[in-house]
Amino acid sequence: MRLQNNLKKLRFEKNQVSQEVLAKAVNVSRQTINSIENGKFNPSVVLALQISKFFEKKIEEVFYLEE
């Protein structure tokens, strides 16, 4: 199983928020957001919850498991 995400889609839907803006909002680097989006890094539970809160979505709407 792999953790997948809808970050790109959600960033676009929220007025095309940049990776930089999202990164600053959750106190990580832009590179971290990029790595999460591209499936190269799995966020901690705390970071995943912070990202979900930023988008005002349930965590399952942002992150999901793919077999």
Protein backbone atom coordinates (compact mmCIF):
# COMPACT_ATOMS: atom_id res chain seq x y z
CA MET A 1 0.00 0.00 0.00
CA ARG A 2 1.05 3.55 -0.72
CA LEU A 3 -0.07 6.81 0.79
CA GLN A 4 -1.44 9.07 -1.93
CA ASN A 5 -2.71 12.63 -1.69
CA ASN A 6 -4.83 15.29 -3.36
CA LEU A 7 -2.56 18.22 -2.51
CA LYS A 8 -2.11 19.54 -6.06
CA LYS A 9 -5.84 19.40 -6.71
CA LEU A 10 -6.66 21.06 -3.39
CA ARG A 11 -4.06 23.78 -3.89
CA PHE A 12 -5.55 24.56 -7.29
CA GLU A 13 -9.10 24.60 -5.92
CA LYS A 14 -8.10 26.98 -3.10
CA ASN A 15 -7.24 29.93 -5.35
CA GLN A 16 -4.15 28.21 -6.76
CA VAL A 17 -2.26 28.32 -3.47
CA SER A 18 1.45 27.86 -4.07
CA GLN A 19 3.56 25.20 -2.41
CA GLU A 20 5.37 28.04 -0.65
CA VAL A 21 2.20 29.47 0.89
CA LEU A 22 1.07 26.04 2.07
CA ALA A 23 4.54 25.30 3.45
CA LYS A 24 4.61 28.54 5.47
CA ALA A 25 1.10 27.87 6.80
CA VAL A 26 2.15 24.48 8.22
CA ASN A 27 5.75 25.44 9.14
CA VAL A 28 7.69 23.24 6.71
CA SER A 29 9.80 23.92 3.64
CA ARG A 30 8.43 24.15 0.11
CA GLN A 31 10.58 21.13 -0.70
CA THR A 32 8.73 19.11 1.94
CA ILE A 33 5.39 19.96 0.35
CA ASN A 34 6.79 19.05 -3.05
CA SER A 35 8.07 15.71 -1.74
CA ILE A 36 4.70 14.92 -0.17
CA GLU A 37 2.85 15.80 -3.39
CA ASN A 38 5.14 13.55 -5.41
CA GLY A 39 4.88 10.63 -3.02
CA LYS A 40 8.53 10.74 -2.00
CA PHE A 41 7.79 11.62 1.64
CA ASN A 42 4.98 10.59 3.99
CA PRO A 43 4.01 13.34 6.41
CA SER A 44 3.76 12.77 10.14
CA VAL A 45 0.26 12.47 11.54
CA VAL A 46 0.56 15.97 12.99
CA LEU A 47 1.63 17.46 9.65
CA ALA A 48 -1.11 15.58 7.78
CA LEU A 49 -3.67 16.98 10.22
CA GLN A 50 -2.27 20.51 9.85
CA ILE A 51 -2.50 20.25 6.06
CA SER A 52 -6.07 18.95 6.29
CA LYS A 53 -6.99 21.82 8.59
CA PHE A 54 -5.44 24.33 6.18
CA PHE A 55 -7.72 23.05 3.40
CA GLU A 56 -10.69 22.70 5.78
CA LYS A 57 -11.06 19.05 4.73
CA LYS A 58 -11.23 15.72 6.49
CA ILE A 59 -7.88 13.96 6.48
CA GLU A 60 -9.36 11.25 4.24
CA GLU A 61 -10.13 13.89 1.63
CA VAL A 62 -6.48 14.91 1.51
CA PHE A 63 -4.67 11.59 2.04
CA TYR A 64 -5.67 8.06 1.08
CA LEU A 65 -4.16 4.59 0.74
CA GLU A 66 -3.70 3.01 -2.68
CA GLU A 67 -2.98 -0.66 -3.10
